[in-house]
């Protein structure tokens, strides 16, 4: 990650988590809405549009499932404190 973004992300853990929760709701129907706006003049066929939606949805799922873990060592190296008596969580 660009070092200039680290302080912003570090101070926005809840916002990052909320954004990833919203990203998990991104599905093929939402993607098709966006892909349907590709101009006909670009000659993007039905199969290519379907493949594009599949790629975008898979990428969204990967980001939603992995970004917190990937950001943690840089943005939150101390982990989260868990005051329930079980100690820290990564």
Protein backbone atom coordinates (compact mmCIF):
# COMPACT_ATOMS: atom_id res chain seq x y z
CA UNK A 1 0.00 0.00 0.00
CA UNK A 2 1.16 3.54 -0.72
CA UNK A 3 2.63 4.80 2.54
CA UNK A 4 0.58 7.99 2.43
CA UNK A 5 -2.60 5.92 2.77
CA UNK A 6 -1.49 4.05 5.90
CA UNK A 7 -2.48 6.75 8.43
CA UNK A 8 -5.86 7.23 6.77
CA UNK A 9 -6.62 3.51 6.74
CA UNK A 10 -5.16 2.99 10.23
CA UNK A 11 -7.61 5.52 11.65
CA UNK A 12 -10.55 4.10 9.67
CA UNK A 13 -10.69 0.44 10.64
CA UNK A 14 -14.46 0.48 11.24
CA UNK A 15 -15.05 2.25 7.92
CA UNK A 16 -12.91 -0.32 6.11
CA UNK A 17 -14.86 -3.12 7.76
CA UNK A 18 -18.18 -1.49 6.82
CA UNK A 19 -17.04 -1.03 3.22
CA UNK A 20 -16.05 -4.69 2.99
CA UNK A 21 -19.42 -5.72 4.39
CA UNK A 22 -21.10 -3.68 1.65
CA UNK A 23 -18.75 -5.16 -0.95
CA UNK A 24 -19.92 -8.65 0.05
CA UNK A 25 -23.39 -7.71 -1.20
CA UNK A 26 -22.04 -6.96 -4.69
CA UNK A 27 -23.41 -9.70 -6.92
CA UNK A 28 -23.93 -10.62 -10.57
CA UNK A 29 -27.18 -8.66 -10.79
CA UNK A 30 -25.47 -5.46 -9.66
CA UNK A 31 -22.57 -6.14 -11.99
CA UNK A 32 -24.86 -6.74 -14.97
CA UNK A 33 -26.41 -3.32 -14.32
CA UNK A 34 -23.01 -1.70 -14.73
CA UNK A 35 -21.89 -3.87 -17.62
CA UNK A 36 -25.12 -3.16 -19.48
CA UNK A 37 -23.98 0.46 -19.81
CA UNK A 38 -21.07 -0.52 -22.07
CA UNK A 39 -21.87 1.17 -25.38
CA UNK A 40 -23.02 -1.09 -28.22
CA UNK A 41 -20.43 0.62 -30.42
CA UNK A 42 -17.72 -1.15 -28.44
CA UNK A 43 -19.05 -4.47 -29.74
CA UNK A 44 -18.75 -6.30 -26.42
CA UNK A 45 -20.68 -9.51 -26.93
CA UNK A 46 -22.90 -11.35 -24.46
CA UNK A 47 -20.24 -13.95 -23.61
CA UNK A 48 -17.63 -11.26 -22.93
CA UNK A 49 -20.07 -9.32 -20.74
CA UNK A 50 -20.82 -12.48 -18.76
CA UNK A 51 -17.10 -13.22 -18.36
CA UNK A 52 -16.49 -9.63 -17.25
CA UNK A 53 -19.20 -9.91 -14.60
CA UNK A 54 -17.75 -13.20 -13.39
CA UNK A 55 -14.28 -11.66 -13.11
CA UNK A 56 -15.54 -8.56 -11.31
CA UNK A 57 -17.67 -10.60 -8.88
CA UNK A 58 -14.82 -12.99 -8.10
CA UNK A 59 -12.48 -10.07 -7.49
CA UNK A 60 -15.01 -8.34 -5.23
CA UNK A 61 -15.45 -11.56 -3.25
CA UNK A 62 -11.65 -11.97 -2.90
CA UNK A 63 -11.19 -8.38 -1.74
CA UNK A 64 -14.11 -8.61 0.71
CA UNK A 65 -12.78 -11.87 2.16
CA UNK A 66 -9.08 -10.94 2.38
CA UNK A 67 -8.45 -7.20 2.58
CA UNK A 68 -8.63 -6.85 6.38
CA UNK A 69 -6.09 -9.67 6.79
CA UNK A 70 -3.82 -8.13 4.14
CA UNK A 71 -4.02 -4.63 5.64
CA UNK A 72 -3.56 -5.71 9.26
CA UNK A 73 0.26 -6.10 9.36
CA UNK A 74 0.76 -2.60 7.93
CA UNK A 75 -2.17 -0.69 9.40
CA UNK A 76 -2.93 -2.46 12.67
CA UNK A 77 0.21 -4.42 13.66
CA UNK A 78 -0.80 -4.38 17.33
CA UNK A 79 -3.97 -6.37 16.62
CA UNK A 80 -7.27 -5.72 18.32
CA UNK A 81 -7.69 -5.82 22.05
CA UNK A 82 -10.29 -8.27 23.22
CA UNK A 83 -11.47 -7.39 26.72
CA UNK A 84 -13.56 -10.53 27.12
CA UNK A 85 -10.72 -12.23 28.90
CA UNK A 86 -9.33 -14.26 25.99
CA UNK A 87 -6.54 -11.81 25.06
CA UNK A 88 -5.66 -10.18 21.77
CA UNK A 89 -6.97 -11.21 18.38
CA UNK A 90 -5.01 -10.69 15.17
